[in-house]
Amino acid sequence: IALIAEGVETESELESLIELGVQYAQGFYIQEPDEQIKDIDPKLIDKINKKNEKFFANISYKSSTATLYIKNICSPVVTVSPDEMVPVIYETLINNTDMIGLCVVEDEIPLGIVTKEKLTLQLSGQYGFALNQYKNISKLMDKNYLSVDYQTTLNIVSKMAMSRPSDNLYDFIVVTRHDKLYGVVTVKDLLETTTEI
């Protein structure tokens, strides 16, 4: 299915669409409405071609993930304060079946991650919940998580993710922009994208 983006009015909007792989666009930046169909300005066509080359020149079935950035497959994530109490976090994770985890952040800067699997393990056993129910999440969060800049290429992220210890191998990857939380990428999404390419 080919996409047509409407209302493109600035160069930056057009660049974002090219980066996202949208095939067609229309809007005042490309051509203003007229009674006659006119050719698009050759300078603009040249600019579009150059942007396409920049982002997608090396992407083909023979290529690697070296030209795709992690930001392209990034998803938002639930965030919590480091002062949030453990039972509240546990209840949030248990009541949201699709949620695999969340990020602990302060002033938009990630401090750690909490996965449903690991928190459940920490709270299990004869005394697990009793020992941890009055703690805040900063005491149980995982500080040893993989964090990458949003402009890191997929091939580099894949290598970093797969070289983690087995205990952390399937933890989601934290993506930052200027050290602030940008989003997360699951190992599933990472593998699916590299497989498609």
N, C-alpha and C. Protein backbone atom coordinates (compact mmCIF):
# COMPACT_ATOMS: atom_id res chain seq x y z
N ILE A 1 0.86 -1.18 0.00
CA ILE A 1 0.00 0.00 0.00
C ILE A 1 0.89 1.23 0.00
N ALA A 2 0.67 2.10 -0.95
CA ALA A 2 1.44 3.35 -1.01
C ALA A 2 0.72 4.42 -0.20
N LEU A 3 1.50 5.25 0.49
CA LEU A 3 0.94 6.32 1.32
C LEU A 3 1.11 7.67 0.65
N ILE A 4 0.10 8.53 0.81
CA ILE A 4 0.20 9.92 0.35
C ILE A 4 0.01 10.80 1.58
N ALA A 5 1.04 11.56 1.92
CA ALA A 5 0.95 12.48 3.05
C ALA A 5 0.44 13.83 2.55
N GLU A 6 -0.58 14.35 3.20
CA GLU A 6 -1.16 15.63 2.79
C GLU A 6 -0.70 16.75 3.72
N GLY A 7 -0.78 17.98 3.22
CA GLY A 7 -0.51 19.15 4.05
C GLY A 7 0.96 19.39 4.33
N VAL A 8 1.82 19.00 3.39
CA VAL A 8 3.26 19.23 3.58
C VAL A 8 3.56 20.69 3.26
N GLU A 9 3.95 21.42 4.27
CA GLU A 9 4.14 22.86 4.09
C GLU A 9 5.56 23.34 4.36
N THR A 10 6.43 22.46 4.88
CA THR A 10 7.80 22.89 5.18
C THR A 10 8.78 21.82 4.71
N GLU A 11 10.03 22.25 4.57
CA GLU A 11 11.09 21.33 4.17
C GLU A 11 11.30 20.25 5.22
N SER A 12 11.24 20.63 6.50
CA SER A 12 11.47 19.66 7.56
C SER A 12 10.38 18.58 7.58
N GLU A 13 9.15 18.96 7.28
CA GLU A 13 8.07 17.97 7.19
C GLU A 13 8.35 16.98 6.07
N LEU A 14 8.79 17.49 4.93
CA LEU A 14 9.10 16.64 3.79
C LEU A 14 10.26 15.69 4.13
N GLU A 15 11.28 16.21 4.80
CA GLU A 15 12.43 15.38 5.19
C GLU A 15 12.00 14.25 6.14
N SER A 16 11.13 14.58 7.07
CA SER A 16 10.64 13.55 8.01
C SER A 16 9.89 12.45 7.28
N LEU A 17 9.08 12.83 6.29
CA LEU A 17 8.33 11.84 5.52
C LEU A 17 9.26 10.94 4.72
N ILE A 18 10.30 11.53 4.15
CA ILE A 18 11.28 10.73 3.40
C ILE A 18 11.95 9.74 4.33
N GLU A 19 12.32 10.22 5.51
CA GLU A 19 13.00 9.37 6.49
C GLU A 19 12.11 8.23 6.96
N LEU A 20 10.80 8.49 7.03
CA LEU A 20 9.86 7.45 7.44
C LEU A 20 9.50 6.50 6.30
N GLY A 21 9.89 6.86 5.09
CA GLY A 21 9.62 5.97 3.95
C GLY A 21 8.26 6.17 3.30
N VAL A 22 7.63 7.34 3.54
CA VAL A 22 6.35 7.62 2.90
C VAL A 22 6.61 7.91 1.41
N GLN A 23 5.84 7.24 0.54
CA GLN A 23 6.15 7.27 -0.89
C GLN A 23 5.73 8.56 -1.60
N TYR A 24 4.61 9.16 -1.20
CA TYR A 24 4.10 10.33 -1.91
C TYR A 24 3.72 11.43 -0.93
N ALA A 25 3.71 12.67 -1.43
CA ALA A 25 3.32 13.79 -0.59
C ALA A 25 2.69 14.89 -1.43
N GLN A 26 1.84 15.67 -0.80
CA GLN A 26 1.28 16.84 -1.47
C GLN A 26 1.14 17.95 -0.44
N GLY A 27 1.18 19.18 -0.94
CA GLY A 27 1.05 20.31 -0.03
C GLY A 27 1.68 21.56 -0.63
N PHE A 28 1.49 22.67 0.05
CA PHE A 28 1.95 23.97 -0.46
C PHE A 28 3.46 24.01 -0.68
N TYR A 29 4.22 23.24 0.12
CA TYR A 29 5.68 23.26 -0.06
C TYR A 29 6.07 22.68 -1.42
N ILE A 30 5.30 21.71 -1.87
CA ILE A 30 5.61 21.05 -3.15
C ILE A 30 5.04 21.83 -4.33
N GLN A 31 3.77 22.21 -4.22
CA GLN A 31 3.13 22.98 -5.30
C GLN A 31 1.83 23.56 -4.77
N GLU A 32 1.59 24.84 -5.06
CA GLU A 32 0.33 25.45 -4.64
C GLU A 32 -0.77 25.08 -5.64
N PRO A 33 -2.02 25.02 -5.18
CA PRO A 33 -3.13 24.68 -6.08
C PRO A 33 -3.22 25.66 -7.24
N ASP A 34 -3.60 25.14 -8.42
CA ASP A 34 -3.70 25.98 -9.62
C ASP A 34 -4.70 25.34 -10.57
N GLU A 35 -5.24 26.15 -11.47
CA GLU A 35 -6.18 25.61 -12.46
C GLU A 35 -5.46 24.68 -13.44
N GLN A 36 -4.20 24.94 -13.68
CA GLN A 36 -3.40 24.11 -14.59
C GLN A 36 -2.47 23.20 -13.79
N ILE A 37 -2.27 21.97 -14.30
CA ILE A 37 -1.29 21.08 -13.69
C ILE A 37 0.09 21.51 -14.15
N LYS A 38 0.93 21.84 -13.18
CA LYS A 38 2.28 22.32 -13.51
C LYS A 38 3.33 21.31 -13.07
N ASP A 39 4.48 21.39 -13.71
CA ASP A 39 5.59 20.55 -13.31
C ASP A 39 6.14 21.04 -11.97
N ILE A 40 6.63 20.10 -11.17
CA ILE A 40 7.25 20.47 -9.90
C ILE A 40 8.61 21.09 -10.18
N ASP A 41 8.95 22.08 -9.41
CA ASP A 41 10.24 22.78 -9.55
C ASP A 41 11.39 21.76 -9.57
N PRO A 42 12.23 21.77 -10.62
CA PRO A 42 13.35 20.82 -10.71
C PRO A 42 14.29 20.88 -9.49
N LYS A 43 14.44 22.06 -8.91
CA LYS A 43 15.29 22.18 -7.72
C LYS A 43 14.72 21.36 -6.56
N LEU A 44 13.39 21.37 -6.42
CA LEU A 44 12.76 20.61 -5.36
C LEU A 44 12.90 19.11 -5.64
N ILE A 45 12.73 18.71 -6.87
CA ILE A 45 12.90 17.29 -7.24
C ILE A 45 14.32 16.84 -6.92
N ASP A 46 15.29 17.68 -7.23
CA ASP A 46 16.68 17.36 -6.95
C ASP A 46 16.90 17.22 -5.43
N LYS A 47 16.29 18.13 -4.67
CA LYS A 47 16.40 18.10 -3.21
C LYS A 47 15.79 16.81 -2.65
N ILE A 48 14.63 16.41 -3.19
CA ILE A 48 13.96 15.18 -2.75
C ILE A 48 14.83 13.97 -3.07
N ASN A 49 15.39 13.95 -4.26
CA ASN A 49 16.26 12.83 -4.66
C ASN A 49 17.48 12.72 -3.75
N LYS A 50 18.06 13.87 -3.41
CA LYS A 50 19.24 13.85 -2.53
C LYS A 50 18.89 13.36 -1.13
N LYS A 51 17.72 13.79 -0.63
CA LYS A 51 17.29 13.32 0.69
C LYS A 51 17.04 11.82 0.68
N ASN A 52 16.43 11.34 -0.39
CA ASN A 52 16.20 9.90 -0.51
C ASN A 52 17.51 9.13 -0.54
N GLU A 53 18.46 9.65 -1.27
CA GLU A 53 19.78 9.00 -1.34
C GLU A 53 20.42 8.96 0.04
N LYS A 54 20.31 10.06 0.76
CA LYS A 54 20.92 10.16 2.09
C LYS A 54 20.37 9.09 3.03
N PHE A 55 19.04 8.92 3.02
CA PHE A 55 18.43 8.01 3.98
C PHE A 55 18.32 6.57 3.50
N PHE A 56 18.17 6.38 2.18
CA PHE A 56 17.85 5.04 1.71
C PHE A 56 18.75 4.50 0.60
N ALA A 57 19.83 5.17 0.33
CA ALA A 57 20.69 4.74 -0.78
C ALA A 57 21.17 3.31 -0.64
N ASN A 58 21.51 2.90 0.57
CA ASN A 58 22.10 1.58 0.78
C ASN A 58 21.10 0.52 1.22
N ILE A 59 19.81 0.88 1.29
CA ILE A 59 18.83 -0.09 1.76
C ILE A 59 18.29 -0.89 0.58
N SER A 60 18.55 -2.16 0.58
CA SER A 60 18.01 -3.09 -0.41
C SER A 60 18.04 -4.46 0.22
N TYR A 61 17.58 -5.45 -0.49
CA TYR A 61 17.58 -6.80 0.08
C TYR A 61 19.00 -7.31 0.29
N LYS A 62 19.97 -6.68 -0.38
CA LYS A 62 21.36 -7.09 -0.23
C LYS A 62 22.06 -6.31 0.88
N SER A 63 21.40 -5.27 1.37
CA SER A 63 22.09 -4.37 2.29
C SER A 63 21.97 -4.83 3.73
N SER A 64 22.62 -4.09 4.61
CA SER A 64 22.54 -4.38 6.04
C SER A 64 21.68 -3.32 6.70
N THR A 65 21.71 -3.30 8.01
CA THR A 65 20.95 -2.30 8.77
C THR A 65 21.78 -1.05 9.04
N ALA A 66 22.88 -0.89 8.32
CA ALA A 66 23.83 0.19 8.63
C ALA A 66 23.27 1.58 8.37
N THR A 67 22.20 1.70 7.57
CA THR A 67 21.69 3.03 7.25
C THR A 67 20.36 3.33 7.93
N LEU A 68 19.85 2.42 8.72
CA LEU A 68 18.61 2.68 9.45
C LEU A 68 18.93 2.99 10.90
N TYR A 69 18.24 3.98 11.44
CA TYR A 69 18.50 4.40 12.81
C TYR A 69 17.48 3.80 13.76
N ILE A 70 17.89 3.62 15.00
CA ILE A 70 17.03 3.03 16.02
C ILE A 70 15.79 3.88 16.26
N LYS A 71 15.89 5.18 16.04
CA LYS A 71 14.74 6.07 16.25
C LYS A 71 13.56 5.70 15.36
N ASN A 72 13.82 5.05 14.22
CA ASN A 72 12.76 4.70 13.28
C ASN A 72 11.85 3.59 13.79
N ILE A 73 12.29 2.83 14.79
CA ILE A 73 11.45 1.75 15.32
C ILE A 73 11.17 1.92 16.81
N CYS A 74 11.39 3.13 17.28
CA CYS A 74 11.24 3.45 18.70
C CYS A 74 9.76 3.57 19.08
N SER A 75 9.42 3.15 20.29
CA SER A 75 8.05 3.26 20.81
C SER A 75 8.05 4.00 22.14
N PRO A 76 6.93 4.65 22.46
CA PRO A 76 6.85 5.30 23.78
C PRO A 76 6.79 4.26 24.90
N VAL A 77 7.09 4.68 26.11
CA VAL A 77 7.08 3.76 27.25
C VAL A 77 6.53 4.49 28.47
N VAL A 78 5.89 3.75 29.35
CA VAL A 78 5.40 4.31 30.61
C VAL A 78 6.59 4.66 31.48
N THR A 79 6.55 5.83 32.09
CA THR A 79 7.64 6.25 32.97
C THR A 79 7.12 6.48 34.39
N VAL A 80 8.00 6.27 35.36
CA VAL A 80 7.64 6.49 36.76
C VAL A 80 8.79 7.19 37.47
N SER A 81 8.46 7.80 38.58
CA SER A 81 9.44 8.46 39.43
C SER A 81 10.21 7.42 40.23
N PRO A 82 11.48 7.68 40.56
CA PRO A 82 12.24 6.73 41.39
C PRO A 82 11.65 6.58 42.80
N ASP A 83 10.79 7.52 43.21
CA ASP A 83 10.18 7.47 44.55
C ASP A 83 8.89 6.65 44.59
N GLU A 84 8.42 6.20 43.43
CA GLU A 84 7.17 5.42 43.40
C GLU A 84 7.35 4.11 44.17
N MET A 85 6.34 3.72 44.91
CA MET A 85 6.43 2.53 45.75
C MET A 85 6.30 1.25 44.94
N VAL A 86 7.01 0.23 45.35
CA VAL A 86 7.06 -1.05 44.64
C VAL A 86 5.67 -1.66 44.41
N PRO A 87 4.77 -1.72 45.42
CA PRO A 87 3.46 -2.34 45.16
C PRO A 87 2.66 -1.65 44.05
N VAL A 88 2.79 -0.32 43.95
CA VAL A 88 2.08 0.43 42.91
C VAL A 88 2.60 0.02 41.53
N ILE A 89 3.92 -0.08 41.40
CA ILE A 89 4.53 -0.49 40.12
C ILE A 89 4.11 -1.91 39.77
N TYR A 90 4.17 -2.79 40.76
CA TYR A 90 3.81 -4.19 40.53
C TYR A 90 2.36 -4.30 40.05
N GLU A 91 1.47 -3.59 40.70
CA GLU A 91 0.06 -3.62 40.32
C GLU A 91 -0.14 -3.08 38.90
N THR A 92 0.57 -2.02 38.56
CA THR A 92 0.48 -1.45 37.21
C THR A 92 0.90 -2.47 36.16
N LEU A 93 2.00 -3.14 36.41
CA LEU A 93 2.51 -4.13 35.45
C LEU A 93 1.58 -5.35 35.35
N ILE A 94 1.07 -5.81 36.45
CA ILE A 94 0.21 -6.98 36.46
C ILE A 94 -1.13 -6.69 35.78
N ASN A 95 -1.66 -5.49 36.00
CA ASN A 95 -2.97 -5.14 35.44
C ASN A 95 -2.92 -4.77 33.96
N ASN A 96 -1.73 -4.56 33.42
CA ASN A 96 -1.59 -4.24 32.00
C ASN A 96 -0.83 -5.38 31.32
N THR A 97 -1.59 -6.30 30.76
CA THR A 97 -0.99 -7.53 30.21
C THR A 97 -0.02 -7.26 29.06
N ASP A 98 -0.25 -6.19 28.31
CA ASP A 98 0.63 -5.89 27.17
C ASP A 98 1.91 -5.18 27.58
N MET A 99 1.96 -4.69 28.82
CA MET A 99 3.12 -3.92 29.27
C MET A 99 4.24 -4.86 29.73
N ILE A 100 5.40 -4.77 29.07
CA ILE A 100 6.51 -5.63 29.45
C ILE A 100 7.38 -4.99 30.53
N GLY A 101 7.26 -3.68 30.67
CA GLY A 101 8.06 -2.99 31.67
C GLY A 101 7.88 -1.49 31.57
N LEU A 102 8.69 -0.78 32.32
CA LEU A 102 8.62 0.69 32.32
C LEU A 102 9.99 1.27 32.65
N CYS A 103 10.11 2.57 32.43
CA CYS A 103 11.36 3.28 32.70
C CYS A 103 11.22 4.14 33.96
N VAL A 104 12.26 4.12 34.76
CA VAL A 104 12.32 5.00 35.93
C VAL A 104 13.11 6.23 35.49
N VAL A 105 12.46 7.39 35.56
CA VAL A 105 13.11 8.62 35.07
C VAL A 105 13.00 9.74 36.10
N GLU A 106 13.95 10.65 36.00
CA GLU A 106 13.93 11.86 36.82
C GLU A 106 14.37 13.01 35.93
N ASP A 107 13.52 14.03 35.81
CA ASP A 107 13.79 15.16 34.91
C ASP A 107 14.06 14.68 33.47
N GLU A 108 13.26 13.69 33.03
CA GLU A 108 13.32 13.11 31.68
C GLU A 108 14.56 12.26 31.43
N ILE A 109 15.42 12.13 32.42
CA ILE A 109 16.65 11.33 32.26
C ILE A 109 16.41 9.94 32.85
N PRO A 110 16.63 8.88 32.03
CA PRO A 110 16.41 7.53 32.53
C PRO A 110 17.43 7.12 33.59
N LEU A 111 16.93 6.52 34.66
CA LEU A 111 17.80 6.04 35.76
C LEU A 111 17.87 4.52 35.79
N GLY A 112 16.83 3.87 35.30
CA GLY A 112 16.78 2.42 35.33
C GLY A 112 15.53 1.91 34.65
N ILE A 113 15.43 0.59 34.54
CA ILE A 113 14.24 -0.02 33.96
C ILE A 113 13.68 -1.05 34.92
N VAL A 114 12.40 -1.34 34.75
CA VAL A 114 11.73 -2.38 35.52
C VAL A 114 10.98 -3.25 34.52
N THR A 115 11.29 -4.53 34.48
CA THR A 115 10.55 -5.45 33.63
C THR A 115 9.60 -6.27 34.48
N LYS A 116 8.48 -6.64 33.90
CA LYS A 116 7.47 -7.42 34.62
C LYS A 116 8.06 -8.72 35.14
N GLU A 117 8.83 -9.39 34.29
CA GLU A 117 9.42 -10.69 34.64
C GLU A 117 10.34 -10.58 35.85
N LYS A 118 11.24 -9.60 35.83
CA LYS A 118 12.22 -9.49 36.91
C LYS A 118 11.60 -9.00 38.22
N LEU A 119 10.65 -8.08 38.12
CA LEU A 119 10.01 -7.59 39.34
C LEU A 119 9.19 -8.71 40.00
N THR A 120 8.50 -9.48 39.18
CA THR A 120 7.73 -10.61 39.70
C THR A 120 8.65 -11.60 40.40
N LEU A 121 9.81 -11.84 39.82
CA LEU A 121 10.78 -12.75 40.42
C LEU A 121 11.29 -12.22 41.77
N GLN A 122 11.57 -10.90 41.82
CA GLN A 122 12.06 -10.30 43.06
C GLN A 122 11.03 -10.34 44.18
N LEU A 123 9.74 -10.30 43.80
CA LEU A 123 8.68 -10.27 44.80
C LEU A 123 8.12 -11.66 45.12
N SER A 124 8.64 -12.67 44.45
CA SER A 124 8.15 -14.02 44.69
C SER A 124 8.89 -14.68 45.86
N GLY A 125 8.54 -15.89 46.11
CA GLY A 125 9.17 -16.60 47.23
C GLY A 125 8.47 -16.31 48.53
N GLN A 126 8.94 -16.92 49.58
CA GLN A 126 8.27 -16.83 50.88
C GLN A 126 8.24 -15.42 51.45
N TYR A 127 9.34 -14.66 51.25
CA TYR A 127 9.42 -13.34 51.87
C TYR A 127 9.60 -12.19 50.86
N GLY A 128 9.57 -12.52 49.57
CA GLY A 128 9.86 -11.52 48.54
C GLY A 128 9.03 -10.26 48.66
N PHE A 129 7.71 -10.40 48.74
CA PHE A 129 6.84 -9.22 48.80
C PHE A 129 6.98 -8.51 50.14
N ALA A 130 7.03 -9.29 51.22
CA ALA A 130 7.13 -8.70 52.56
C ALA A 130 8.39 -7.85 52.72
N LEU A 131 9.50 -8.30 52.15
CA LEU A 131 10.77 -7.58 52.28
C LEU A 131 10.82 -6.32 51.42
N ASN A 132 10.00 -6.27 50.36
CA ASN A 132 10.12 -5.17 49.40
C ASN A 132 8.92 -4.24 49.31
N GLN A 133 7.85 -4.53 50.03
CA GLN A 133 6.62 -3.76 49.85
C GLN A 133 6.71 -2.30 50.32
N TYR A 134 7.65 -1.99 51.19
CA TYR A 134 7.77 -0.61 51.67
C TYR A 134 8.94 0.13 51.03
N LYS A 135 9.51 -0.46 49.99
CA LYS A 135 10.62 0.18 49.29
C LYS A 135 10.10 0.97 48.09
N ASN A 136 10.88 1.99 47.70
CA ASN A 136 10.53 2.65 46.45
C ASN A 136 11.23 1.91 45.31
N ILE A 137 10.76 2.15 44.11
CA ILE A 137 11.20 1.36 42.96
C ILE A 137 12.69 1.55 42.64
N SER A 138 13.27 2.65 43.09
CA SER A 138 14.70 2.88 42.82
C SER A 138 15.57 1.80 43.46
N LYS A 139 15.05 1.13 44.49
CA LYS A 139 15.81 0.07 45.18
C LYS A 139 15.81 -1.23 44.38
N LEU A 140 14.79 -1.43 43.53
CA LEU A 140 14.68 -2.69 42.78
C LEU A 140 14.87 -2.53 41.28
N MET A 141 14.94 -1.30 40.79
CA MET A 141 15.09 -1.11 39.34
C MET A 141 16.44 -1.65 38.86
N ASP A 142 16.48 -1.99 37.60
CA ASP A 142 17.71 -2.50 36.99
C ASP A 142 18.49 -1.31 36.44
N LYS A 143 19.65 -1.06 37.03
CA LYS A 143 20.49 0.06 36.58
C LYS A 143 21.44 -0.37 35.47
N ASN A 144 21.54 -1.67 35.26
CA ASN A 144 22.44 -2.21 34.25
C ASN A 144 21.66 -2.50 32.97
N TYR A 145 21.19 -1.45 32.32
CA TYR A 145 20.36 -1.60 31.12
C TYR A 145 21.10 -1.02 29.91
N LEU A 146 20.68 -1.46 28.72
CA LEU A 146 21.29 -0.97 27.49
C LEU A 146 20.61 0.32 27.07
N SER A 147 21.40 1.38 26.92
CA SER A 147 20.90 2.68 26.48
C SER A 147 21.70 3.12 25.27
N VAL A 148 20.99 3.58 24.23
CA VAL A 148 21.65 4.04 23.00
C VAL A 148 21.08 5.38 22.56
N ASP A 149 21.88 6.13 21.83
CA ASP A 149 21.42 7.39 21.27
C ASP A 149 20.46 7.11 20.12
N TYR A 150 19.48 7.99 19.92
CA TYR A 150 18.44 7.77 18.92
C TYR A 150 18.98 7.72 17.49
N GLN A 151 20.20 8.20 17.26
CA GLN A 151 20.78 8.16 15.92
C GLN A 151 21.78 7.01 15.75
N THR A 152 21.73 6.04 16.65
CA THR A 152 22.57 4.86 16.50
C THR A 152 21.94 3.95 15.44
N THR A 153 22.75 3.37 14.58
CA THR A 153 22.20 2.52 13.52
C THR A 153 21.78 1.16 14.08
N LEU A 154 20.85 0.53 13.37
CA LEU A 154 20.29 -0.74 13.84
C LEU A 154 21.32 -1.84 13.96
N ASN A 155 22.29 -1.86 13.04
CA ASN A 155 23.29 -2.93 13.10
C ASN A 155 24.13 -2.83 14.37
N ILE A 156 24.46 -1.61 14.79
CA ILE A 156 25.24 -1.42 16.01
C ILE A 156 24.41 -1.81 17.24
N VAL A 157 23.13 -1.37 17.25
CA VAL A 157 22.25 -1.71 18.38
C VAL A 157 22.07 -3.23 18.48
N SER A 158 21.91 -3.88 17.34
CA SER A 158 21.73 -5.34 17.33
C SER A 158 22.94 -6.04 17.95
N LYS A 159 24.13 -5.60 17.58
CA LYS A 159 25.34 -6.20 18.13
C LYS A 159 25.44 -5.97 19.64
N MET A 160 25.12 -4.75 20.07
CA MET A 160 25.17 -4.43 21.49
C MET A 160 24.13 -5.25 22.28
N ALA A 161 22.93 -5.36 21.72
CA ALA A 161 21.85 -6.08 22.39
C ALA A 161 22.18 -7.56 22.54
N MET A 162 22.75 -8.14 21.49
CA MET A 162 23.02 -9.58 21.50
C MET A 162 24.29 -9.93 22.30
N SER A 163 25.08 -8.93 22.65
CA SER A 163 26.30 -9.20 23.43
C SER A 163 26.07 -9.04 24.93
N ARG A 164 24.82 -8.75 25.32
CA ARG A 164 24.50 -8.61 26.75
C ARG A 164 24.52 -9.97 27.45
N PRO A 165 24.68 -9.96 28.77
CA PRO A 165 24.59 -11.22 29.53
C PRO A 165 23.22 -11.85 29.33
N SER A 166 23.12 -13.15 29.49
CA SER A 166 21.87 -13.88 29.23
C SER A 166 20.72 -13.36 30.09
N ASP A 167 21.01 -12.88 31.30
CA ASP A 167 19.95 -12.35 32.16
C ASP A 167 19.30 -11.09 31.60
N ASN A 168 20.04 -10.35 30.79
CA ASN A 168 19.54 -9.09 30.24
C ASN A 168 19.26 -9.16 28.74
N LEU A 169 19.43 -10.33 28.15
CA LEU A 169 19.39 -10.47 26.70
C LEU A 169 18.09 -9.97 26.08
N TYR A 170 16.96 -10.19 26.75
CA TYR A 170 15.67 -9.84 26.16
C TYR A 170 15.04 -8.60 26.79
N ASP A 171 15.79 -7.88 27.62
CA ASP A 171 15.29 -6.62 28.15
C ASP A 171 15.13 -5.61 27.01
N PHE A 172 14.14 -4.73 27.13
CA PHE A 172 13.98 -3.70 26.11
C PHE A 172 15.16 -2.72 26.16
N ILE A 173 15.38 -2.04 25.04
CA ILE A 173 16.51 -1.13 24.89
C ILE A 173 16.00 0.30 25.08
N VAL A 174 16.69 1.07 25.91
CA VAL A 174 16.31 2.46 26.16
C VAL A 174 16.99 3.35 25.11
N VAL A 175 16.19 4.22 24.49
CA VAL A 175 16.71 5.13 23.46
C VAL A 175 16.64 6.55 24.01
N THR A 176 17.75 7.26 23.91
CA THR A 176 17.81 8.63 24.42
C THR A 176 18.13 9.63 23.30
N ARG A 177 17.75 10.85 23.56
CA ARG A 177 18.12 11.97 22.67
C ARG A 177 18.63 13.08 23.57
N HIS A 178 19.89 13.44 23.41
CA HIS A 178 20.54 14.43 24.28
C HIS A 178 20.40 14.00 25.75
N ASP A 179 20.62 12.71 26.00
CA ASP A 179 20.59 12.09 27.32
C ASP A 179 19.19 11.99 27.94
N LYS A 180 18.16 12.50 27.26
CA LYS A 180 16.79 12.40 27.77
C LYS A 180 16.07 11.25 27.09
N LEU A 181 15.09 10.68 27.79
CA LEU A 181 14.37 9.52 27.27
C LEU A 181 13.65 9.87 25.98
N TYR A 182 13.88 9.07 24.95
CA TYR A 182 13.23 9.25 23.65
C TYR A 182 12.18 8.16 23.43
N GLY A 183 12.45 6.97 23.95
CA GLY A 183 11.53 5.84 23.80
C GLY A 183 12.26 4.54 24.08
N VAL A 184 11.64 3.44 23.69
CA VAL A 184 12.27 2.13 23.88
C VAL A 184 12.07 1.28 22.63
N VAL A 185 12.90 0.25 22.52
CA VAL A 185 12.78 -0.72 21.43
C VAL A 185 12.88 -2.11 22.05
N THR A 186 11.94 -2.96 21.72
CA THR A 186 12.00 -4.34 22.22
C THR A 186 12.91 -5.15 21.32
N VAL A 187 13.44 -6.22 21.85
CA VAL A 187 14.29 -7.11 21.06
C VAL A 187 13.47 -7.71 19.92
N LYS A 188 12.20 -7.98 20.18
CA LYS A 188 11.30 -8.51 19.14
C LYS A 188 11.22 -7.55 17.95
N ASP A 189 10.98 -6.26 18.23
CA ASP A 189 10.90 -5.27 17.15
C ASP A 189 12.23 -5.15 16.40
N LEU A 190 13.32 -5.21 17.15
CA LEU A 190 14.64 -5.11 16.55
C LEU A 190 14.89 -6.28 15.60
N LEU A 191 14.58 -7.50 16.05
CA LEU A 191 14.79 -8.69 15.23
C LEU A 191 13.87 -8.71 14.01
N GLU A 192 12.62 -8.30 14.21
CA GLU A 192 11.67 -8.28 13.08
C GLU A 192 12.12 -7.30 12.01
N THR A 193 12.58 -6.13 12.43
CA THR A 193 13.03 -5.12 11.46
C THR A 193 14.25 -5.60 10.70
N THR A 194 15.23 -6.15 11.40
CA THR A 194 16.44 -6.63 10.71
C THR A 194 16.12 -7.79 9.79
N THR A 195 15.17 -8.62 10.18
CA THR A 195 14.75 -9.74 9.32
C THR A 195 14.08 -9.24 8.05
N GLU A 196 13.21 -8.23 8.18
CA GLU A 196 12.55 -7.65 7.01
C GLU A 196 13.56 -7.08 6.03
N ILE A 197 14.57 -6.40 6.58
CA ILE A 197 15.58 -5.80 5.71
C ILE A 197 16.39 -6.87 5.02
